[in-house]
C-alpha atoms as a PDB file:
ATOM      1  CA  MET A   1     120.691 126.633  92.662  1.00  0.00           C
ATOM      2  CA  ALA A   2     120.805 123.424  94.697  1.00  0.00           C
ATOM      3  CA  GLU A   3     119.827 125.084  97.956  1.00  0.00           C
ATOM      4  CA  SER A   4     116.926 123.421  99.729  1.00  0.00           C
ATOM      5  CA  SER A   5     113.800 125.023 101.098  1.00  0.00           C
ATOM      6  CA  THR A   6     115.064 123.862 104.501  1.00  0.00           C
ATOM      7  CA  HIS A   7     117.801 126.513 104.211  1.00  0.00           C
ATOM      8  CA  PRO A   8     115.773 129.692 103.550  1.00  0.00           C
ATOM      9  CA  ASP A   9     118.560 132.084 104.542  1.00  0.00           C
ATOM     10  CA  SER A  10     120.858 130.804 101.815  1.00  0.00           C
ATOM     11  CA  ALA A  11     118.303 129.864  99.146  1.00  0.00           C
ATOM     12  CA  PRO A  12     118.563 131.815  95.895  1.00  0.00           C
ATOM     13  CA  SER A  13     115.697 134.026  94.778  1.00  0.00           C
ATOM     14  CA  PRO A  14     113.286 132.658  92.137  1.00  0.00           C
ATOM     15  CA  ASP A  15     114.607 135.281  89.679  1.00  0.00           C
ATOM     16  CA  ALA A  16     118.193 134.131  90.304  1.00  0.00           C
ATOM     17  CA  VAL A  17     117.157 130.513  89.714  1.00  0.00           C
ATOM     18  CA  ARG A  18     115.450 131.386  86.400  1.00  0.00           C
ATOM     19  CA  ASP A  19     118.493 133.417  85.288  1.00  0.00           C
ATOM     20  CA  HIS A  20     120.804 130.534  86.220  1.00  0.00           C
ATOM     21  CA  ILE A  21     118.717 127.999  84.269  1.00  0.00           C
ATOM     22  CA  ALA A  22     118.573 130.239  81.186  1.00  0.00           C
ATOM     23  CA  ALA A  23     122.335 130.843  81.282  1.00  0.00           C
ATOM     24  CA  ALA A  24     123.169 127.178  81.868  1.00  0.00           C
ATOM     25  CA  ASP A  25     120.958 126.050  78.955  1.00  0.00           C
ATOM     26  CA  ARG A  26     122.354 128.403  76.305  1.00  0.00           C
ATOM     27  CA  GLY A  27     122.776 126.261  73.231  1.00  0.00           C
ATOM     28  CA  GLY A  28     121.077 123.328  74.973  1.00  0.00           C
ATOM     29  CA  LEU A  29     117.909 121.420  74.253  1.00  0.00           C
ATOM     30  CA  GLY A  30     115.653 123.680  76.313  1.00  0.00           C
ATOM     31  CA  GLU A  31     116.811 126.753  74.422  1.00  0.00           C
ATOM     32  CA  ARG A  32     116.360 125.007  71.051  1.00  0.00           C
ATOM     33  CA  MET A  33     112.804 124.075  72.080  1.00  0.00           C
ATOM     34  CA  GLY A  34     111.996 127.647  73.142  1.00  0.00           C
ATOM     35  CA  MET A  35     111.555 126.711  76.813  1.00  0.00           C
ATOM     36  CA  GLU A  36     110.600 129.525  79.173  1.00  0.00           C
ATOM     37  CA  TRP A  37     110.757 129.333  82.975  1.00  0.00           C
ATOM     38  CA  LEU A  38     107.758 130.990  84.646  1.00  0.00           C
ATOM     39  CA  GLU A  39     108.054 129.898  88.294  1.00  0.00           C
ATOM     40  CA  THR A  40     110.892 128.208  90.171  1.00  0.00           C
ATOM     41  CA  THR A  41     110.361 127.445  93.849  1.00  0.00           C
ATOM     42  CA  PRO A  42     111.055 124.290  95.873  1.00  0.00           C
ATOM     43  CA  GLN A  43     107.276 123.694  96.009  1.00  0.00           C
ATOM     44  CA  ARG A  44     106.391 124.343  92.354  1.00  0.00           C
ATOM     45  CA  VAL A  45     108.182 124.741  89.031  1.00  0.00           C
ATOM     46  CA  VAL A  46     106.374 126.026  85.938  1.00  0.00           C
ATOM     47  CA  ALA A  47     107.879 126.036  82.430  1.00  0.00           C
ATOM     48  CA  ARG A  48     106.452 126.196  78.927  1.00  0.00           C
ATOM     49  CA  ILE A  49     107.334 125.588  75.282  1.00  0.00           C
ATOM     50  CA  PRO A  50     105.660 126.668  72.051  1.00  0.00           C
ATOM     51  CA  VAL A  51     103.943 123.951  70.048  1.00  0.00           C
ATOM     52  CA  GLU A  52     105.344 125.457  66.839  1.00  0.00           C
ATOM     53  CA  GLY A  53     108.765 123.981  66.151  1.00  0.00           C
ATOM     54  CA  ASN A  54     108.162 121.058  68.534  1.00  0.00           C
ATOM     55  CA  THR A  55     105.842 118.980  66.363  1.00  0.00           C
ATOM     56  CA  GLN A  56     105.973 115.585  64.727  1.00  0.00           C
ATOM     57  CA  PRO A  57     105.449 115.213  60.935  1.00  0.00           C
ATOM     58  CA  PHE A  58     101.635 115.411  61.218  1.00  0.00           C
ATOM     59  CA  GLY A  59     101.659 118.841  62.882  1.00  0.00           C
ATOM     60  CA  LEU A  60     100.910 117.656  66.423  1.00  0.00           C
ATOM     61  CA  LEU A  61     103.028 118.381  69.478  1.00  0.00           C
ATOM     62  CA  HIS A  62     105.660 115.648  69.614  1.00  0.00           C
ATOM     63  CA  GLY A  63     105.275 113.352  72.629  1.00  0.00           C
ATOM     64  CA  GLY A  64     109.007 113.602  73.160  1.00  0.00           C
ATOM     65  CA  ALA A  65     108.675 117.384  73.481  1.00  0.00           C
ATOM     66  CA  SER A  66     106.164 116.888  76.299  1.00  0.00           C
ATOM     67  CA  ALA A  67     108.586 114.441  77.927  1.00  0.00           C
ATOM     68  CA  VAL A  68     111.513 116.879  77.676  1.00  0.00           C
ATOM     69  CA  LEU A  69     109.392 119.656  79.174  1.00  0.00           C
ATOM     70  CA  ALA A  70     108.195 117.394  82.008  1.00  0.00           C
ATOM     71  CA  GLU A  71     111.678 116.086  82.825  1.00  0.00           C
ATOM     72  CA  SER A  72     113.159 119.577  82.733  1.00  0.00           C
ATOM     73  CA  ALA A  73     110.566 120.977  85.141  1.00  0.00           C
ATOM     74  CA  GLY A  74     110.802 117.992  87.481  1.00  0.00           C
ATOM     75  CA  SER A  75     114.607 118.071  87.460  1.00  0.00           C
ATOM     76  CA  VAL A  76     114.684 121.740  88.417  1.00  0.00           C
ATOM     77  CA  LEU A  77     112.226 121.017  91.230  1.00  0.00           C
ATOM     78  CA  ALA A  78     114.447 118.171  92.475  1.00  0.00           C
ATOM     79  CA  ASN A  79     117.557 120.357  92.337  1.00  0.00           C
ATOM     80  CA  LEU A  80     115.794 123.080  94.314  1.00  0.00           C
ATOM     81  CA  ASN A  81     115.155 120.477  97.022  1.00  0.00           C
ATOM     82  CA  ALA A  82     118.518 118.688  96.864  1.00  0.00           C
ATOM     83  CA  GLY A  83     120.195 120.649  99.647  1.00  0.00           C
ATOM     84  CA  PRO A  84     123.606 122.305  99.852  1.00  0.00           C
ATOM     85  CA  GLY A  85     126.397 120.580  97.943  1.00  0.00           C
ATOM     86  CA  ARG A  86     124.029 118.174  96.199  1.00  0.00           C
ATOM     87  CA  PHE A  87     122.417 117.894  92.782  1.00  0.00           C
ATOM     88  CA  ALA A  88     119.707 115.779  91.185  1.00  0.00           C
ATOM     89  CA  VAL A  89     119.864 113.463  88.183  1.00  0.00           C
ATOM     90  CA  GLY A  90     116.820 111.874  86.594  1.00  0.00           C
ATOM     91  CA  ILE A  91     116.597 108.096  86.873  1.00  0.00           C
ATOM     92  CA  GLU A  92     113.012 107.373  85.794  1.00  0.00           C
ATOM     93  CA  LEU A  93     110.452 109.218  83.692  1.00  0.00           C
ATOM     94  CA  SER A  94     106.946 107.955  83.001  1.00  0.00           C
ATOM     95  CA  CYS A  95     104.625 109.893  80.683  1.00  0.00           C
ATOM     96  CA  THR A  96     101.006 109.358  79.703  1.00  0.00           C
ATOM     97  CA  HIS A  97      99.824 111.388  76.716  1.00  0.00           C
ATOM     98  CA  HIS A  98      96.147 112.362  76.931  1.00  0.00           C
ATOM     99  CA  ARG A  99      95.542 114.554  73.877  1.00  0.00           C
ATOM    100  CA  SER A 100      97.405 116.483  71.229  1.00  0.00           C
ATOM    101  CA  ALA A 101      98.082 120.161  70.650  1.00  0.00           C
ATOM    102  CA  ARG A 102      98.505 121.876  67.272  1.00  0.00           C
ATOM    103  CA  GLU A 103      99.163 125.487  68.270  1.00  0.00           C
ATOM    104  CA  GLY A 104      99.896 127.848  71.122  1.00  0.00           C
ATOM    105  CA  TRP A 105     101.951 126.841  74.148  1.00  0.00           C
ATOM    106  CA  VAL A 106     102.039 123.883  76.498  1.00  0.00           C
ATOM    107  CA  THR A 107     102.863 124.491  80.144  1.00  0.00           C
ATOM    108  CA  ALA A 108     104.310 122.052  82.666  1.00  0.00           C
ATOM    109  CA  VAL A 109     103.640 122.350  86.390  1.00  0.00           C
ATOM    110  CA  ALA A 110     105.898 120.198  88.570  1.00  0.00           C
ATOM    111  CA  THR A 111     105.104 119.553  92.239  1.00  0.00           C
ATOM    112  CA  PRO A 112     106.787 117.176  94.686  1.00  0.00           C
ATOM    113  CA  LEU A 113     105.228 113.802  95.456  1.00  0.00           C
ATOM    114  CA  SER A 114     108.081 112.656  97.704  1.00  0.00           C
ATOM    115  CA  LEU A 115     111.096 114.555  99.046  1.00  0.00           C
ATOM    116  CA  GLY A 116     113.541 112.043 100.459  1.00  0.00           C
ATOM    117  CA  ARG A 117     117.178 112.084 101.470  1.00  0.00           C
ATOM    118  CA  THR A 118     118.330 110.356  98.268  1.00  0.00           C
ATOM    119  CA  LEU A 119     115.293 110.470  95.945  1.00  0.00           C
ATOM    120  CA  VAL A 120     112.873 113.170  94.849  1.00  0.00           C
ATOM    121  CA  THR A 121     109.740 112.174  92.937  1.00  0.00           C
ATOM    122  CA  SER A 122     107.715 114.841  91.150  1.00  0.00           C
ATOM    123  CA  GLN A 123     104.339 114.912  89.485  1.00  0.00           C
ATOM    124  CA  VAL A 124     104.269 116.987  86.310  1.00  0.00           C
ATOM    125  CA  ILE A 125     101.116 118.009  84.462  1.00  0.00           C
ATOM    126  CA  VAL A 126     101.519 119.437  80.958  1.00  0.00           C
ATOM    127  CA  SER A 127      98.497 121.448  79.793  1.00  0.00           C
ATOM    128  CA  ASP A 128      97.525 123.440  76.713  1.00  0.00           C
ATOM    129  CA  ASP A 129      96.535 127.117  76.632  1.00  0.00           C
ATOM    130  CA  THR A 130      92.966 126.263  77.677  1.00  0.00           C
ATOM    131  CA  GLY A 131      94.136 124.250  80.695  1.00  0.00           C
ATOM    132  CA  ARG A 132      93.332 120.850  79.197  1.00  0.00           C
ATOM    133  CA  PRO A 133      95.855 118.172  80.200  1.00  0.00           C
ATOM    134  CA  ILE A 134      98.126 117.089  77.354  1.00  0.00           C
ATOM    135  CA  CYS A 135     100.412 114.811  79.354  1.00  0.00           C
ATOM    136  CA  SER A 136     100.850 113.636  82.932  1.00  0.00           C
ATOM    137  CA  ALA A 137     104.285 112.529  84.037  1.00  0.00           C
ATOM    138  CA  ARG A 138     106.151 111.252  87.053  1.00  0.00           C
ATOM    139  CA  LEU A 139     109.880 111.863  87.412  1.00  0.00           C
ATOM    140  CA  THR A 140     112.185 110.323  89.994  1.00  0.00           C
ATOM    141  CA  CYS A 141     115.588 111.921  90.543  1.00  0.00           C
ATOM    142  CA  PHE A 142     118.547 110.591  92.508  1.00  0.00           C
ATOM    143  CA  LEU A 143     120.290 113.126  94.756  1.00  0.00           C
ATOM    144  CA  ARG A 144     124.094 113.055  94.513  1.00  0.00           C
ATOM    145  CA  ASP A 145     126.869 114.831  96.327  1.00  0.00           C
ATOM    146  CA  ALA A 146     128.570 117.466  94.193  1.00  0.00           C
ATOM    147  CA  THR A 147     132.043 116.386  95.321  1.00  0.00           C
END
């Protein structure tokens, strides 16, 4: 999964990436939140969660759920750009919550802002079913050697 877009001959297919993420997260937070992976390429990662089951006591989408969704999407994007033998770990997440959601799904779209040798910074927009922004986030990941 950590193959970079600069190595197209050895990069896994988007379906293989989604299957890998789903298998790796069995029993994890993403699975408990109902996270679904819709698109996984080095240029764009799209994931979503249902609002139901991810709310705070007043029935609104929990801000932490938006943050988990944003960090998950941005981390996958960073790993897809890490390069062979490398992986990404999140070091900074900043979220601004714009409005709430009470039902349906929220979808995160992560795109790269900066692809460096040791850092990847992603912009992540979380939107509701009508396309209205719920949260905007920025995630910076540090790229490490797997050895």
